[in-house]
PDB file of N, CA and C in Angstrom:
ATOM      1  N   MET A   1      -2.824  -2.634 -56.536  1.00  0.00           N
ATOM      2  CA  MET A   1      -1.772  -3.412 -55.931  1.00  0.00           C
ATOM      3  C   MET A   1      -0.461  -3.297 -56.696  1.00  0.00           C
ATOM      4  N   ALA A   2      -0.519  -2.801 -57.904  1.00  0.00           N
ATOM      5  CA  ALA A   2       0.684  -2.711 -58.712  1.00  0.00           C
ATOM      6  C   ALA A   2       1.686  -1.726 -58.122  1.00  0.00           C
ATOM      7  N   GLY A   3       1.202  -0.759 -57.333  1.00  0.00           N
ATOM      8  CA  GLY A   3       2.089   0.246 -56.767  1.00  0.00           C
ATOM      9  C   GLY A   3       2.770  -0.195 -55.488  1.00  0.00           C
ATOM     10  N   LEU A   4       2.341  -1.302 -54.890  1.00  0.00           N
ATOM     11  CA  LEU A   4       2.953  -1.766 -53.646  1.00  0.00           C
ATOM     12  C   LEU A   4       4.267  -2.466 -53.938  1.00  0.00           C
ATOM     13  N   ARG A   5       5.285  -2.044 -53.228  1.00  0.00           N
ATOM     14  CA  ARG A   5       6.594  -2.693 -53.343  1.00  0.00           C
ATOM     15  C   ARG A   5       7.106  -2.980 -51.948  1.00  0.00           C
ATOM     16  N   PHE A   6       7.771  -4.091 -51.826  1.00  0.00           N
ATOM     17  CA  PHE A   6       8.328  -4.489 -50.542  1.00  0.00           C
ATOM     18  C   PHE A   6       9.833  -4.604 -50.699  1.00  0.00           C
ATOM     19  N   ARG A   7      10.549  -3.833 -49.937  1.00  0.00           N
ATOM     20  CA  ARG A   7      12.002  -3.855 -50.000  1.00  0.00           C
ATOM     21  C   ARG A   7      12.531  -4.680 -48.826  1.00  0.00           C
ATOM     22  N   MET A   8      13.275  -5.719 -49.125  1.00  0.00           N
ATOM     23  CA  MET A   8      13.821  -6.594 -48.099  1.00  0.00           C
ATOM     24  C   MET A   8      15.016  -5.924 -47.443  1.00  0.00           C
ATOM     25  N   THR A   9      14.880  -5.653 -46.151  1.00  0.00           N
ATOM     26  CA  THR A   9      15.982  -5.099 -45.375  1.00  0.00           C
ATOM     27  C   THR A   9      16.472  -6.182 -44.424  1.00  0.00           C
ATOM     28  N   ARG A  10      17.533  -5.876 -43.721  1.00  0.00           N
ATOM     29  CA  ARG A  10      18.087  -6.855 -42.783  1.00  0.00           C
ATOM     30  C   ARG A  10      17.081  -7.172 -41.681  1.00  0.00           C
ATOM     31  N   ASP A  11      16.397  -6.145 -41.161  1.00  0.00           N
ATOM     32  CA  ASP A  11      15.396  -6.371 -40.117  1.00  0.00           C
ATOM     33  C   ASP A  11      14.241  -7.208 -40.634  1.00  0.00           C
ATOM     34  N   ASN A  12      13.779  -6.914 -41.854  1.00  0.00           N
ATOM     35  CA  ASN A  12      12.688  -7.683 -42.428  1.00  0.00           C
ATOM     36  C   ASN A  12      13.097  -9.133 -42.639  1.00  0.00           C
ATOM     37  N   ARG A  13      14.304  -9.337 -43.100  1.00  0.00           N
ATOM     38  CA  ARG A  13      14.780 -10.703 -43.350  1.00  0.00           C
ATOM     39  C   ARG A  13      14.868 -11.480 -42.036  1.00  0.00           C
ATOM     40  N   ASN A  14      15.407 -10.836 -40.993  1.00  0.00           N
ATOM     41  CA  ASN A  14      15.511 -11.504 -39.695  1.00  0.00           C
ATOM     42  C   ASN A  14      14.135 -11.834 -39.126  1.00  0.00           C
ATOM     43  N   SER A  15      13.191 -10.921 -39.300  1.00  0.00           N
ATOM     44  CA  SER A  15      11.828 -11.178 -38.830  1.00  0.00           C
ATOM     45  C   SER A  15      11.195 -12.318 -39.608  1.00  0.00           C
ATOM     46  N   LEU A  16      11.440 -12.367 -40.895  1.00  0.00           N
ATOM     47  CA  LEU A  16      10.892 -13.438 -41.722  1.00  0.00           C
ATOM     48  C   LEU A  16      11.469 -14.793 -41.314  1.00  0.00           C
ATOM     49  N   ILE A  17      12.746 -14.848 -41.058  1.00  0.00           N
ATOM     50  CA  ILE A  17      13.392 -16.094 -40.630  1.00  0.00           C
ATOM     51  C   ILE A  17      12.854 -16.528 -39.276  1.00  0.00           C
ATOM     52  N   ALA A  18      12.728 -15.577 -38.341  1.00  0.00           N
ATOM     53  CA  ALA A  18      12.202 -15.903 -37.013  1.00  0.00           C
ATOM     54  C   ALA A  18      10.768 -16.410 -37.102  1.00  0.00           C
ATOM     55  N   ALA A  19       9.954 -15.770 -37.929  1.00  0.00           N
ATOM     56  CA  ALA A  19       8.563 -16.200 -38.091  1.00  0.00           C
ATOM     57  C   ALA A  19       8.487 -17.601 -38.695  1.00  0.00           C
ATOM     58  N   ALA A  20       9.346 -17.890 -39.648  1.00  0.00           N
ATOM     59  CA  ALA A  20       9.348 -19.217 -40.272  1.00  0.00           C
ATOM     60  C   ALA A  20       9.752 -20.289 -39.264  1.00  0.00           C
ATOM     61  N   ILE A  21      10.733 -19.990 -38.438  1.00  0.00           N
ATOM     62  CA  ILE A  21      11.175 -20.947 -37.418  1.00  0.00           C
ATOM     63  C   ILE A  21      10.062 -21.193 -36.401  1.00  0.00           C
ATOM     64  N   LEU A  22       9.425 -20.103 -35.940  1.00  0.00           N
ATOM     65  CA  LEU A  22       8.342 -20.244 -34.975  1.00  0.00           C
ATOM     66  C   LEU A  22       7.173 -21.034 -35.562  1.00  0.00           C
ATOM     67  N   LEU A  23       6.846 -20.745 -36.802  1.00  0.00           N
ATOM     68  CA  LEU A  23       5.760 -21.464 -37.457  1.00  0.00           C
ATOM     69  C   LEU A  23       6.081 -22.955 -37.552  1.00  0.00           C
ATOM     70  N   ALA A  24       7.322 -23.285 -37.903  1.00  0.00           N
ATOM     71  CA  ALA A  24       7.721 -24.685 -38.018  1.00  0.00           C
ATOM     72  C   ALA A  24       7.706 -25.383 -36.656  1.00  0.00           C
ATOM     73  N   VAL A  25       8.258 -24.729 -35.634  1.00  0.00           N
ATOM     74  CA  VAL A  25       8.342 -25.350 -34.305  1.00  0.00           C
ATOM     75  C   VAL A  25       6.951 -25.563 -33.720  1.00  0.00           C
ATOM     76  N   PHE A  26       6.137 -24.510 -33.730  1.00  0.00           N
ATOM     77  CA  PHE A  26       4.810 -24.647 -33.134  1.00  0.00           C
ATOM     78  C   PHE A  26       3.885 -25.476 -34.022  1.00  0.00           C
ATOM     79  N   GLY A  27       4.088 -25.436 -35.316  1.00  0.00           N
ATOM     80  CA  GLY A  27       3.297 -26.283 -36.205  1.00  0.00           C
ATOM     81  C   GLY A  27       3.574 -27.751 -35.967  1.00  0.00           C
ATOM     82  N   LEU A  28       4.851 -28.107 -35.863  1.00  0.00           N
ATOM     83  CA  LEU A  28       5.204 -29.504 -35.566  1.00  0.00           C
ATOM     84  C   LEU A  28       4.749 -29.902 -34.168  1.00  0.00           C
ATOM     85  N   GLY A  29       4.877 -28.967 -33.232  1.00  0.00           N
ATOM     86  CA  GLY A  29       4.416 -29.243 -31.869  1.00  0.00           C
ATOM     87  C   GLY A  29       2.928 -29.521 -31.829  1.00  0.00           C
ATOM     88  N   ALA A  30       2.152 -28.703 -32.543  1.00  0.00           N
ATOM     89  CA  ALA A  30       0.699 -28.911 -32.581  1.00  0.00           C
ATOM     90  C   ALA A  30       0.351 -30.205 -33.313  1.00  0.00           C
ATOM     91  N   PHE A  31       1.115 -30.548 -34.333  1.00  0.00           N
ATOM     92  CA  PHE A  31       0.863 -31.780 -35.085  1.00  0.00           C
ATOM     93  C   PHE A  31       1.079 -33.012 -34.208  1.00  0.00           C
ATOM     94  N   TYR A  32       2.144 -33.000 -33.409  1.00  0.00           N
ATOM     95  CA  TYR A  32       2.474 -34.152 -32.568  1.00  0.00           C
ATOM     96  C   TYR A  32       1.855 -34.086 -31.172  1.00  0.00           C
ATOM     97  N   MET A  33       1.185 -32.991 -30.843  1.00  0.00           N
ATOM     98  CA  MET A  33       0.605 -32.846 -29.504  1.00  0.00           C
ATOM     99  C   MET A  33      -0.356 -33.975 -29.130  1.00  0.00           C
ATOM    100  N   PRO A  34      -1.272 -34.399 -29.999  1.00  0.00           N
ATOM    101  CA  PRO A  34      -2.154 -35.511 -29.596  1.00  0.00           C
ATOM    102  C   PRO A  34      -1.386 -36.794 -29.270  1.00  0.00           C
ATOM    103  N   THR A  35      -0.378 -37.093 -30.061  1.00  0.00           N
ATOM    104  CA  THR A  35       0.425 -38.295 -29.808  1.00  0.00           C
ATOM    105  C   THR A  35       1.162 -38.189 -28.479  1.00  0.00           C
ATOM    106  N   ILE A  36       1.729 -37.019 -28.225  1.00  0.00           N
ATOM    107  CA  ILE A  36       2.459 -36.797 -26.965  1.00  0.00           C
ATOM    108  C   ILE A  36       1.502 -36.901 -25.787  1.00  0.00           C
ATOM    109  N   MET A  37       0.323 -36.285 -25.921  1.00  0.00           N
ATOM    110  CA  MET A  37      -0.634 -36.306 -24.816  1.00  0.00           C
ATOM    111  C   MET A  37      -1.155 -37.719 -24.539  1.00  0.00           C
ATOM    112  N   ILE A  38      -1.365 -38.505 -25.571  1.00  0.00           N
ATOM    113  CA  ILE A  38      -1.812 -39.891 -25.352  1.00  0.00           C
ATOM    114  C   ILE A  38      -0.721 -40.696 -24.656  1.00  0.00           C
ATOM    115  N   ALA A  39       0.526 -40.518 -25.105  1.00  0.00           N
ATOM    116  CA  ALA A  39       1.636 -41.248 -24.483  1.00  0.00           C
ATOM    117  C   ALA A  39       1.808 -40.849 -23.022  1.00  0.00           C
ATOM    118  N   VAL A  40       1.775 -39.558 -22.743  1.00  0.00           N
ATOM    119  CA  VAL A  40       1.931 -39.100 -21.357  1.00  0.00           C
ATOM    120  C   VAL A  40       0.665 -39.407 -20.561  1.00  0.00           C
ATOM    121  N   GLY A  41      -0.494 -39.351 -21.208  1.00  0.00           N
ATOM    122  CA  GLY A  41      -1.747 -39.645 -20.529  1.00  0.00           C
ATOM    123  C   GLY A  41      -1.842 -41.067 -20.026  1.00  0.00           C
ATOM    124  N   ASN A  42      -1.116 -41.982 -20.646  1.00  0.00           N
ATOM    125  CA  ASN A  42      -1.070 -43.363 -20.142  1.00  0.00           C
ATOM    126  C   ASN A  42      -0.378 -43.431 -18.787  1.00  0.00           C
ATOM    127  N   ILE A  43       0.489 -42.467 -18.521  1.00  0.00           N
ATOM    128  CA  ILE A  43       1.188 -42.413 -17.236  1.00  0.00           C
ATOM    129  C   ILE A  43       0.408 -41.553 -16.252  1.00  0.00           C
ATOM    130  N   SER A  44       0.035 -40.336 -16.696  1.00  0.00           N
ATOM    131  CA  SER A  44      -0.674 -39.411 -15.819  1.00  0.00           C
ATOM    132  C   SER A  44      -1.502 -38.452 -16.668  1.00  0.00           C
ATOM    133  N   THR A  45      -2.791 -38.414 -16.391  1.00  0.00           N
ATOM    134  CA  THR A  45      -3.651 -37.493 -17.142  1.00  0.00           C
ATOM    135  C   THR A  45      -3.380 -36.046 -16.762  1.00  0.00           C
ATOM    136  N   VAL A  46      -2.994 -35.837 -15.526  1.00  0.00           N
ATOM    137  CA  VAL A  46      -2.659 -34.473 -15.079  1.00  0.00           C
ATOM    138  C   VAL A  46      -1.426 -33.976 -15.820  1.00  0.00           C
ATOM    139  N   ALA A  47      -0.424 -34.820 -15.957  1.00  0.00           N
ATOM    140  CA  ALA A  47       0.793 -34.434 -16.674  1.00  0.00           C
ATOM    141  C   ALA A  47       0.487 -34.145 -18.145  1.00  0.00           C
ATOM    142  N   ALA A  48      -0.404 -34.918 -18.753  1.00  0.00           N
ATOM    143  CA  ALA A  48      -0.782 -34.678 -20.144  1.00  0.00           C
ATOM    144  C   ALA A  48      -1.466 -33.324 -20.277  1.00  0.00           C
ATOM    145  N   GLY A  49      -2.336 -32.999 -19.347  1.00  0.00           N
ATOM    146  CA  GLY A  49      -2.987 -31.690 -19.358  1.00  0.00           C
ATOM    147  C   GLY A  49      -1.998 -30.557 -19.163  1.00  0.00           C
ATOM    148  N   LEU A  50      -1.048 -30.759 -18.266  1.00  0.00           N
ATOM    149  CA  LEU A  50      -0.020 -29.729 -18.027  1.00  0.00           C
ATOM    150  C   LEU A  50       0.836 -29.494 -19.269  1.00  0.00           C
ATOM    151  N   ILE A  51       1.129 -30.543 -20.000  1.00  0.00           N
ATOM    152  CA  ILE A  51       1.909 -30.392 -21.228  1.00  0.00           C
ATOM    153  C   ILE A  51       1.150 -29.542 -22.236  1.00  0.00           C
ATOM    154  N   ALA A  52      -0.144 -29.785 -22.368  1.00  0.00           N
ATOM    155  CA  ALA A  52      -0.951 -28.992 -23.293  1.00  0.00           C
ATOM    156  C   ALA A  52      -1.007 -27.530 -22.854  1.00  0.00           C
ATOM    157  N   VAL A  53      -1.186 -27.292 -21.561  1.00  0.00           N
ATOM    158  CA  VAL A  53      -1.237 -25.917 -21.046  1.00  0.00           C
ATOM    159  C   VAL A  53       0.101 -25.222 -21.261  1.00  0.00           C
ATOM    160  N   LEU A  54       1.195 -25.903 -20.998  1.00  0.00           N
ATOM    161  CA  LEU A  54       2.520 -25.316 -21.197  1.00  0.00           C
ATOM    162  C   LEU A  54       2.789 -24.995 -22.659  1.00  0.00           C
ATOM    163  N   PHE A  55       2.297 -25.839 -23.551  1.00  0.00           N
ATOM    164  CA  PHE A  55       2.465 -25.591 -24.978  1.00  0.00           C
ATOM    165  C   PHE A  55       1.749 -24.304 -25.385  1.00  0.00           C
ATOM    166  N   VAL A  56       0.524 -24.136 -24.927  1.00  0.00           N
ATOM    167  CA  VAL A  56      -0.238 -22.925 -25.250  1.00  0.00           C
ATOM    168  C   VAL A  56       0.405 -21.700 -24.614  1.00  0.00           C
ATOM    169  N   LEU A  57       0.836 -21.816 -23.367  1.00  0.00           N
ATOM    170  CA  LEU A  57       1.512 -20.695 -22.704  1.00  0.00           C
ATOM    171  C   LEU A  57       2.808 -20.321 -23.419  1.00  0.00           C
ATOM    172  N   ALA A  58       3.540 -21.308 -23.898  1.00  0.00           N
ATOM    173  CA  ALA A  58       4.778 -21.027 -24.636  1.00  0.00           C
ATOM    174  C   ALA A  58       4.476 -20.293 -25.927  1.00  0.00           C
ATOM    175  N   PHE A  59       3.391 -20.688 -26.598  1.00  0.00           N
ATOM    176  CA  PHE A  59       3.007 -20.028 -27.850  1.00  0.00           C
ATOM    177  C   PHE A  59       2.752 -18.546 -27.623  1.00  0.00           C
ATOM    178  N   PHE A  60       1.938 -18.229 -26.626  1.00  0.00           N
ATOM    179  CA  PHE A  60       1.644 -16.827 -26.354  1.00  0.00           C
ATOM    180  C   PHE A  60       2.817 -16.126 -25.686  1.00  0.00           C
ATOM    181  N   GLY A  61       3.613 -16.865 -24.928  1.00  0.00           N
ATOM    182  CA  GLY A  61       4.789 -16.271 -24.281  1.00  0.00           C
ATOM    183  C   GLY A  61       5.799 -15.747 -25.289  1.00  0.00           C
ATOM    184  N   VAL A  62       5.942 -16.432 -26.404  1.00  0.00           N
ATOM    185  CA  VAL A  62       6.864 -15.969 -27.444  1.00  0.00           C
ATOM    186  C   VAL A  62       6.423 -14.610 -27.966  1.00  0.00           C
ATOM    187  N   PHE A  63       5.131 -14.446 -28.195  1.00  0.00           N
ATOM    188  CA  PHE A  63       4.640 -13.162 -28.703  1.00  0.00           C
ATOM    189  C   PHE A  63       4.709 -12.075 -27.642  1.00  0.00           C
ATOM    190  N   TRP A  64       4.515 -12.437 -26.380  1.00  0.00           N
ATOM    191  CA  TRP A  64       4.642 -11.480 -25.292  1.00  0.00           C
ATOM    192  C   TRP A  64       6.087 -10.993 -25.198  1.00  0.00           C
ATOM    193  N   LEU A  65       7.037 -11.911 -25.276  1.00  0.00           N
ATOM    194  CA  LEU A  65       8.450 -11.527 -25.238  1.00  0.00           C
ATOM    195  C   LEU A  65       8.833 -10.681 -26.444  1.00  0.00           C
ATOM    196  N   ARG A  66       8.285 -11.019 -27.599  1.00  0.00           N
ATOM    197  CA  ARG A  66       8.554 -10.240 -28.813  1.00  0.00           C
ATOM    198  C   ARG A  66       8.031  -8.809 -28.657  1.00  0.00           C
ATOM    199  N   GLY A  67       6.846  -8.671 -28.089  1.00  0.00           N
ATOM    200  CA  GLY A  67       6.280  -7.348 -27.857  1.00  0.00           C
ATOM    201  C   GLY A  67       7.120  -6.535 -26.887  1.00  0.00           C
ATOM    202  N   ARG A  68       7.586  -7.168 -25.831  1.00  0.00           N
ATOM    203  CA  ARG A  68       8.449  -6.464 -24.865  1.00  0.00           C
ATOM    204  C   ARG A  68       9.756  -6.038 -25.526  1.00  0.00           C
ATOM    205  N   SER A  69      10.293  -6.918 -26.348  1.00  0.00           N
ATOM    206  CA  SER A  69      11.541  -6.602 -27.036  1.00  0.00           C
ATOM    207  C   SER A  69      11.369  -5.421 -27.985  1.00  0.00           C
ATOM    208  N   GLN A  70      10.276  -5.419 -28.725  1.00  0.00           N
ATOM    209  CA  GLN A  70      10.016  -4.327 -29.661  1.00  0.00           C
ATOM    210  C   GLN A  70       9.773  -3.019 -28.909  1.00  0.00           C
ATOM    211  N   ARG A  71       9.055  -3.090 -27.805  1.00  0.00           N
ATOM    212  CA  ARG A  71       8.766  -1.884 -27.021  1.00  0.00           C
ATOM    213  C   ARG A  71      10.056  -1.312 -26.445  1.00  0.00           C
ATOM    214  N   ASN A  72      10.948  -2.168 -25.933  1.00  0.00           N
ATOM    215  CA  ASN A  72      12.217  -1.699 -25.376  1.00  0.00           C
ATOM    216  C   ASN A  72      13.133  -1.144 -26.448  1.00  0.00           C
ATOM    217  N   ARG A  73      13.056  -1.679 -27.656  1.00  0.00           N
ATOM    218  CA  ARG A  73      13.893  -1.213 -28.747  1.00  0.00           C
ATOM    219  C   ARG A  73      13.509   0.204 -29.191  1.00  0.00           C
ATOM    220  N   HIS A  74      12.216   0.508 -29.148  1.00  0.00           N
ATOM    221  CA  HIS A  74      11.736   1.807 -29.624  1.00  0.00           C
ATOM    222  C   HIS A  74      11.700   2.867 -28.539  1.00  0.00           C
ATOM    223  N   ASP A  75      11.951   2.505 -27.279  1.00  0.00           N
ATOM    224  CA  ASP A  75      11.961   3.510 -26.209  1.00  0.00           C
ATOM    225  C   ASP A  75      13.288   4.210 -26.113  1.00  0.00           C
TER     226      ASP A  75
END
């Protein structure tokens, strides 16, 4: 492992910042999701379920968009 070196470039730095933001947003979202679902579930259980589904879809949607962006950049 002594031979491995990582050189910080502008692209790497931007990717690191984006990953940190995504981790913070989705981490906080997952942390507060039970509280949000209980609050919304008091009004409508269907709406609480939809919020959970939308949260999961948003999580994977970000990676899908990132993949499309990377694919378009390299074509």
